[in-house]
Amino acid sequence: MTTQRTLQRQLAQRERYISQMLSLLAKEPMYRADLASAMSVSYGTLQAIVRYARVNGWIVSQGKYYIN
């Protein structure tokens, strides 16, 4: 069973990842692999973060580049 506190921590972590991603992408578009490396996350984690961000309207992707 997931508690409310756990859900809040998970949401806060996603928000931190998205903030980090957007600050990196504000400098220049990046390849997915480069973005994952710069954020020190796995490619799978990056995909989950991008999916969450896209659902919430924060980021779009064009082919192999991510742009904000």
PDB file of N, CA and C in Angstrom:
ATOM      1  N   MET A   1       0.839  -1.185   0.000  1.00  0.00           N
ATOM      2  CA  MET A   1       0.000   0.000   0.000  1.00  0.00           C
ATOM      3  C   MET A   1       0.884   1.249   0.000  1.00  0.00           C
ATOM      4  N   THR A   2       0.603   2.152  -0.892  1.00  0.00           N
ATOM      5  CA  THR A   2       1.365   3.388  -1.001  1.00  0.00           C
ATOM      6  C   THR A   2       0.703   4.467  -0.148  1.00  0.00           C
ATOM      7  N   THR A   3       1.493   5.088   0.695  1.00  0.00           N
ATOM      8  CA  THR A   3       0.954   6.128   1.567  1.00  0.00           C
ATOM      9  C   THR A   3       0.959   7.479   0.866  1.00  0.00           C
ATOM     10  N   GLN A   4       0.236   8.406   1.410  1.00  0.00           N
ATOM     11  CA  GLN A   4       0.180   9.763   0.862  1.00  0.00           C
ATOM     12  C   GLN A   4       1.565  10.408   0.878  1.00  0.00           C
ATOM     13  N   ARG A   5       2.320  10.161   1.930  1.00  0.00           N
ATOM     14  CA  ARG A   5       3.664  10.729   2.042  1.00  0.00           C
ATOM     15  C   ARG A   5       4.583  10.197   0.941  1.00  0.00           C
ATOM     16  N   THR A   6       4.485   8.917   0.650  1.00  0.00           N
ATOM     17  CA  THR A   6       5.292   8.318  -0.413  1.00  0.00           C
ATOM     18  C   THR A   6       4.929   8.935  -1.759  1.00  0.00           C
ATOM     19  N   LEU A   7       3.652   9.099  -2.008  1.00  0.00           N
ATOM     20  CA  LEU A   7       3.219   9.717  -3.264  1.00  0.00           C
ATOM     21  C   LEU A   7       3.734  11.142  -3.390  1.00  0.00           C
ATOM     22  N   GLN A   8       3.728  11.887  -2.301  1.00  0.00           N
ATOM     23  CA  GLN A   8       4.244  13.250  -2.320  1.00  0.00           C
ATOM     24  C   GLN A   8       5.743  13.279  -2.606  1.00  0.00           C
ATOM     25  N   ARG A   9       6.483  12.346  -2.016  1.00  0.00           N
ATOM     26  CA  ARG A   9       7.931  12.273  -2.279  1.00  0.00           C
ATOM     27  C   ARG A   9       8.198  11.927  -3.732  1.00  0.00           C
ATOM     28  N   GLN A  10       7.439  10.982  -4.285  1.00  0.00           N
ATOM     29  CA  GLN A  10       7.621  10.605  -5.686  1.00  0.00           C
ATOM     30  C   GLN A  10       7.323  11.781  -6.605  1.00  0.00           C
ATOM     31  N   LEU A  11       6.269  12.525  -6.320  1.00  0.00           N
ATOM     32  CA  LEU A  11       5.929  13.689  -7.121  1.00  0.00           C
ATOM     33  C   LEU A  11       7.018  14.754  -7.031  1.00  0.00           C
ATOM     34  N   ALA A  12       7.541  14.974  -5.839  1.00  0.00           N
ATOM     35  CA  ALA A  12       8.614  15.956  -5.657  1.00  0.00           C
ATOM     36  C   ALA A  12       9.861  15.542  -6.442  1.00  0.00           C
ATOM     37  N   GLN A  13      10.170  14.246  -6.452  1.00  0.00           N
ATOM     38  CA  GLN A  13      11.329  13.757  -7.206  1.00  0.00           C
ATOM     39  C   GLN A  13      11.123  13.978  -8.701  1.00  0.00           C
ATOM     40  N   ARG A  14       9.925  13.683  -9.208  1.00  0.00           N
ATOM     41  CA  ARG A  14       9.635  13.919 -10.626  1.00  0.00           C
ATOM     42  C   ARG A  14       9.795  15.398 -10.968  1.00  0.00           C
ATOM     43  N   GLU A  15       9.297  16.251 -10.096  1.00  0.00           N
ATOM     44  CA  GLU A  15       9.402  17.692 -10.333  1.00  0.00           C
ATOM     45  C   GLU A  15      10.869  18.135 -10.373  1.00  0.00           C
ATOM     46  N   ARG A  16      11.706  17.571  -9.507  1.00  0.00           N
ATOM     47  CA  ARG A  16      13.140  17.908  -9.522  1.00  0.00           C
ATOM     48  C   ARG A  16      13.787  17.453 -10.818  1.00  0.00           C
ATOM     49  N   TYR A  17      13.452  16.235 -11.256  1.00  0.00           N
ATOM     50  CA  TYR A  17      14.004  15.734 -12.519  1.00  0.00           C
ATOM     51  C   TYR A  17      13.583  16.623 -13.690  1.00  0.00           C
ATOM     52  N   ILE A  18      12.326  17.004 -13.723  1.00  0.00           N
ATOM     53  CA  ILE A  18      11.832  17.832 -14.822  1.00  0.00           C
ATOM     54  C   ILE A  18      12.493  19.200 -14.797  1.00  0.00           C
ATOM     55  N   SER A  19      12.652  19.763 -13.626  1.00  0.00           N
ATOM     56  CA  SER A  19      13.330  21.056 -13.508  1.00  0.00           C
ATOM     57  C   SER A  19      14.764  20.955 -14.021  1.00  0.00           C
ATOM     58  N   GLN A  20      15.455  19.884 -13.645  1.00  0.00           N
ATOM     59  CA  GLN A  20      16.834  19.666 -14.105  1.00  0.00           C
ATOM     60  C   GLN A  20      16.850  19.496 -15.622  1.00  0.00           C
ATOM     61  N   MET A  21      15.918  18.725 -16.154  1.00  0.00           N
ATOM     62  CA  MET A  21      15.866  18.471 -17.588  1.00  0.00           C
ATOM     63  C   MET A  21      15.618  19.768 -18.343  1.00  0.00           C
ATOM     64  N   LEU A  22      14.677  20.566 -17.885  1.00  0.00           N
ATOM     65  CA  LEU A  22      14.361  21.811 -18.583  1.00  0.00           C
ATOM     66  C   LEU A  22      15.513  22.806 -18.517  1.00  0.00           C
ATOM     67  N   SER A  23      16.239  22.821 -17.414  1.00  0.00           N
ATOM     68  CA  SER A  23      17.387  23.731 -17.334  1.00  0.00           C
ATOM     69  C   SER A  23      18.485  23.303 -18.298  1.00  0.00           C
ATOM     70  N   LEU A  24      18.681  21.997 -18.465  1.00  0.00           N
ATOM     71  CA  LEU A  24      19.665  21.510 -19.444  1.00  0.00           C
ATOM     72  C   LEU A  24      19.213  21.818 -20.868  1.00  0.00           C
ATOM     73  N   LEU A  25      17.926  21.613 -21.140  1.00  0.00           N
ATOM     74  CA  LEU A  25      17.421  21.828 -22.492  1.00  0.00           C
ATOM     75  C   LEU A  25      17.281  23.298 -22.842  1.00  0.00           C
ATOM     76  N   ALA A  26      17.263  24.172 -21.839  1.00  0.00           N
ATOM     77  CA  ALA A  26      17.201  25.605 -22.110  1.00  0.00           C
ATOM     78  C   ALA A  26      18.489  26.073 -22.782  1.00  0.00           C
ATOM     79  N   LYS A  27      19.578  25.354 -22.534  1.00  0.00           N
ATOM     80  CA  LYS A  27      20.863  25.709 -23.143  1.00  0.00           C
ATOM     81  C   LYS A  27      20.927  25.269 -24.593  1.00  0.00           C
ATOM     82  N   GLU A  28      20.470  24.048 -24.882  1.00  0.00           N
ATOM     83  CA  GLU A  28      20.500  23.520 -26.240  1.00  0.00           C
ATOM     84  C   GLU A  28      19.721  22.213 -26.310  1.00  0.00           C
ATOM     85  N   PRO A  29      19.202  21.858 -27.496  1.00  0.00           N
ATOM     86  CA  PRO A  29      18.580  20.542 -27.664  1.00  0.00           C
ATOM     87  C   PRO A  29      19.638  19.452 -27.441  1.00  0.00           C
ATOM     88  N   MET A  30      19.225  18.317 -26.932  1.00  0.00           N
ATOM     89  CA  MET A  30      20.173  17.239 -26.640  1.00  0.00           C
ATOM     90  C   MET A  30      19.625  15.914 -27.141  1.00  0.00           C
ATOM     91  N   TYR A  31      20.531  15.023 -27.526  1.00  0.00           N
ATOM     92  CA  TYR A  31      20.143  13.654 -27.811  1.00  0.00           C
ATOM     93  C   TYR A  31      19.674  13.010 -26.518  1.00  0.00           C
ATOM     94  N   ARG A  32      18.807  12.011 -26.642  1.00  0.00           N
ATOM     95  CA  ARG A  32      18.274  11.325 -25.463  1.00  0.00           C
ATOM     96  C   ARG A  32      19.375  10.738 -24.593  1.00  0.00           C
ATOM     97  N   ALA A  33      20.328  10.077 -25.214  1.00  0.00           N
ATOM     98  CA  ALA A  33      21.412   9.446 -24.451  1.00  0.00           C
ATOM     99  C   ALA A  33      22.251  10.493 -23.723  1.00  0.00           C
ATOM    100  N   ASP A  34      22.516  11.613 -24.383  1.00  0.00           N
ATOM    101  CA  ASP A  34      23.288  12.690 -23.750  1.00  0.00           C
ATOM    102  C   ASP A  34      22.527  13.305 -22.583  1.00  0.00           C
ATOM    103  N   LEU A  35      21.229  13.451 -22.750  1.00  0.00           N
ATOM    104  CA  LEU A  35      20.402  14.019 -21.691  1.00  0.00           C
ATOM    105  C   LEU A  35      20.378  13.089 -20.475  1.00  0.00           C
ATOM    106  N   ALA A  36      20.206  11.792 -20.711  1.00  0.00           N
ATOM    107  CA  ALA A  36      20.211  10.822 -19.609  1.00  0.00           C
ATOM    108  C   ALA A  36      21.552  10.849 -18.889  1.00  0.00           C
ATOM    109  N   SER A  37      22.627  10.923 -19.639  1.00  0.00           N
ATOM    110  CA  SER A  37      23.961  10.974 -19.045  1.00  0.00           C
ATOM    111  C   SER A  37      24.157  12.252 -18.234  1.00  0.00           C
ATOM    112  N   ALA A  38      23.728  13.386 -18.770  1.00  0.00           N
ATOM    113  CA  ALA A  38      23.881  14.657 -18.068  1.00  0.00           C
ATOM    114  C   ALA A  38      23.068  14.690 -16.781  1.00  0.00           C
ATOM    115  N   MET A  39      21.950  13.978 -16.775  1.00  0.00           N
ATOM    116  CA  MET A  39      21.096  13.940 -15.591  1.00  0.00           C
ATOM    117  C   MET A  39      21.479  12.818 -14.633  1.00  0.00           C
ATOM    118  N   SER A  40      22.388  11.950 -15.048  1.00  0.00           N
ATOM    119  CA  SER A  40      22.815  10.787 -14.255  1.00  0.00           C
ATOM    120  C   SER A  40      21.650   9.863 -13.925  1.00  0.00           C
ATOM    121  N   VAL A  41      20.809   9.601 -14.939  1.00  0.00           N
ATOM    122  CA  VAL A  41      19.710   8.650 -14.792  1.00  0.00           C
ATOM    123  C   VAL A  41      19.799   7.638 -15.924  1.00  0.00           C
ATOM    124  N   SER A  42      19.135   6.520 -15.742  1.00  0.00           N
ATOM    125  CA  SER A  42      19.107   5.513 -16.800  1.00  0.00           C
ATOM    126  C   SER A  42      18.175   5.975 -17.909  1.00  0.00           C
ATOM    127  N   TYR A  43      18.307   5.333 -19.059  1.00  0.00           N
ATOM    128  CA  TYR A  43      17.455   5.680 -20.191  1.00  0.00           C
ATOM    129  C   TYR A  43      15.987   5.389 -19.871  1.00  0.00           C
ATOM    130  N   GLY A  44      15.718   4.308 -19.173  1.00  0.00           N
ATOM    131  CA  GLY A  44      14.356   3.963 -18.776  1.00  0.00           C
ATOM    132  C   GLY A  44      13.746   5.010 -17.862  1.00  0.00           C
ATOM    133  N   THR A  45      14.531   5.502 -16.915  1.00  0.00           N
ATOM    134  CA  THR A  45      14.055   6.559 -16.020  1.00  0.00           C
ATOM    135  C   THR A  45      13.781   7.829 -16.808  1.00  0.00           C
ATOM    136  N   LEU A  46      14.664   8.140 -17.744  1.00  0.00           N
ATOM    137  CA  LEU A  46      14.459   9.328 -18.578  1.00  0.00           C
ATOM    138  C   LEU A  46      13.154   9.220 -19.361  1.00  0.00           C
ATOM    139  N   GLN A  47      12.870   8.052 -19.917  1.00  0.00           N
ATOM    140  CA  GLN A  47      11.630   7.866 -20.667  1.00  0.00           C
ATOM    141  C   GLN A  47      10.414   8.107 -19.777  1.00  0.00           C
ATOM    142  N   ALA A  48      10.453   7.612 -18.556  1.00  0.00           N
ATOM    143  CA  ALA A  48       9.340   7.815 -17.625  1.00  0.00           C
ATOM    144  C   ALA A  48       9.179   9.292 -17.281  1.00  0.00           C
ATOM    145  N   ILE A  49      10.292   9.985 -17.082  1.00  0.00           N
ATOM    146  CA  ILE A  49      10.246  11.417 -16.768  1.00  0.00           C
ATOM    147  C   ILE A  49       9.662  12.197 -17.940  1.00  0.00           C
ATOM    148  N   VAL A  50      10.113  11.889 -19.141  1.00  0.00           N
ATOM    149  CA  VAL A  50       9.639  12.595 -20.337  1.00  0.00           C
ATOM    150  C   VAL A  50       8.159  12.315 -20.561  1.00  0.00           C
ATOM    151  N   ARG A  51       7.742  11.078 -20.360  1.00  0.00           N
ATOM    152  CA  ARG A  51       6.329  10.734 -20.516  1.00  0.00           C
ATOM    153  C   ARG A  51       5.473  11.551 -19.530  1.00  0.00           C
ATOM    154  N   TYR A  52       5.914  11.617 -18.290  1.00  0.00           N
ATOM    155  CA  TYR A  52       5.198  12.393 -17.274  1.00  0.00           C
ATOM    156  C   TYR A  52       5.157  13.876 -17.652  1.00  0.00           C
ATOM    157  N   ALA A  53       6.288  14.398 -18.100  1.00  0.00           N
ATOM    158  CA  ALA A  53       6.356  15.808 -18.479  1.00  0.00           C
ATOM    159  C   ALA A  53       5.474  16.093 -19.687  1.00  0.00           C
ATOM    160  N   ARG A  54       5.489  15.195 -20.654  1.00  0.00           N
ATOM    161  CA  ARG A  54       4.695  15.401 -21.867  1.00  0.00           C
ATOM    162  C   ARG A  54       3.201  15.384 -21.539  1.00  0.00           C
ATOM    163  N   VAL A  55       2.783  14.462 -20.674  1.00  0.00           N
ATOM    164  CA  VAL A  55       1.376  14.390 -20.274  1.00  0.00           C
ATOM    165  C   VAL A  55       0.939  15.685 -19.602  1.00  0.00           C
ATOM    166  N   ASN A  56       1.857  16.300 -18.872  1.00  0.00           N
ATOM    167  CA  ASN A  56       1.538  17.540 -18.171  1.00  0.00           C
ATOM    168  C   ASN A  56       1.863  18.791 -18.991  1.00  0.00           C
ATOM    169  N   GLY A  57       2.236  18.618 -20.266  1.00  0.00           N
ATOM    170  CA  GLY A  57       2.418  19.736 -21.170  1.00  0.00           C
ATOM    171  C   GLY A  57       3.699  20.524 -20.981  1.00  0.00           C
ATOM    172  N   TRP A  58       4.747  19.922 -20.403  1.00  0.00           N
ATOM    173  CA  TRP A  58       5.970  20.656 -20.125  1.00  0.00           C
ATOM    174  C   TRP A  58       7.061  20.478 -21.169  1.00  0.00           C
ATOM    175  N   ILE A  59       6.969  19.448 -21.978  1.00  0.00           N
ATOM    176  CA  ILE A  59       8.073  19.185 -22.909  1.00  0.00           C
ATOM    177  C   ILE A  59       7.537  18.451 -24.132  1.00  0.00           C
ATOM    178  N   VAL A  60       8.165  18.695 -25.257  1.00  0.00           N
ATOM    179  CA  VAL A  60       7.824  17.976 -26.476  1.00  0.00           C
ATOM    180  C   VAL A  60       9.096  17.337 -27.011  1.00  0.00           C
ATOM    181  N   SER A  61       8.930  16.323 -27.824  1.00  0.00           N
ATOM    182  CA  SER A  61      10.106  15.716 -28.441  1.00  0.00           C
ATOM    183  C   SER A  61       9.965  15.816 -29.949  1.00  0.00           C
ATOM    184  N   GLN A  62      11.091  15.942 -30.604  1.00  0.00           N
ATOM    185  CA  GLN A  62      11.160  15.918 -32.053  1.00  0.00           C
ATOM    186  C   GLN A  62      12.213  14.886 -32.436  1.00  0.00           C
ATOM    187  N   GLY A  63      11.759  13.746 -32.912  1.00  0.00           N
ATOM    188  CA  GLY A  63      12.693  12.708 -33.307  1.00  0.00           C
ATOM    189  C   GLY A  63      13.593  12.296 -32.168  1.00  0.00           C
ATOM    190  N   LYS A  64      14.883  12.373 -32.394  1.00  0.00           N
ATOM    191  CA  LYS A  64      15.839  11.945 -31.377  1.00  0.00           C
ATOM    192  C   LYS A  64      16.274  13.079 -30.459  1.00  0.00           C
ATOM    193  N   TYR A  65      15.743  14.277 -30.647  1.00  0.00           N
ATOM    194  CA  TYR A  65      16.077  15.419 -29.803  1.00  0.00           C
ATOM    195  C   TYR A  65      14.929  15.706 -28.848  1.00  0.00           C
ATOM    196  N   TYR A  66      15.270  16.196 -27.689  1.00  0.00           N
ATOM    197  CA  TYR A  66      14.267  16.730 -26.765  1.00  0.00           C
ATOM    198  C   TYR A  66      14.451  18.226 -26.725  1.00  0.00           C
ATOM    199  N   ILE A  67      13.368  18.943 -26.826  1.00  0.00           N
ATOM    200  CA  ILE A  67      13.427  20.399 -26.751  1.00  0.00           C
ATOM    201  C   ILE A  67      12.340  20.889 -25.805  1.00  0.00           C
ATOM    202  N   ASN A  68      12.545  22.048 -25.209  1.00  0.00           N
ATOM    203  CA  ASN A  68      11.490  22.595 -24.340  1.00  0.00           C
ATOM    204  C   ASN A  68      10.758  23.701 -25.067  1.00  0.00           C
TER     205      ASN A  68
END
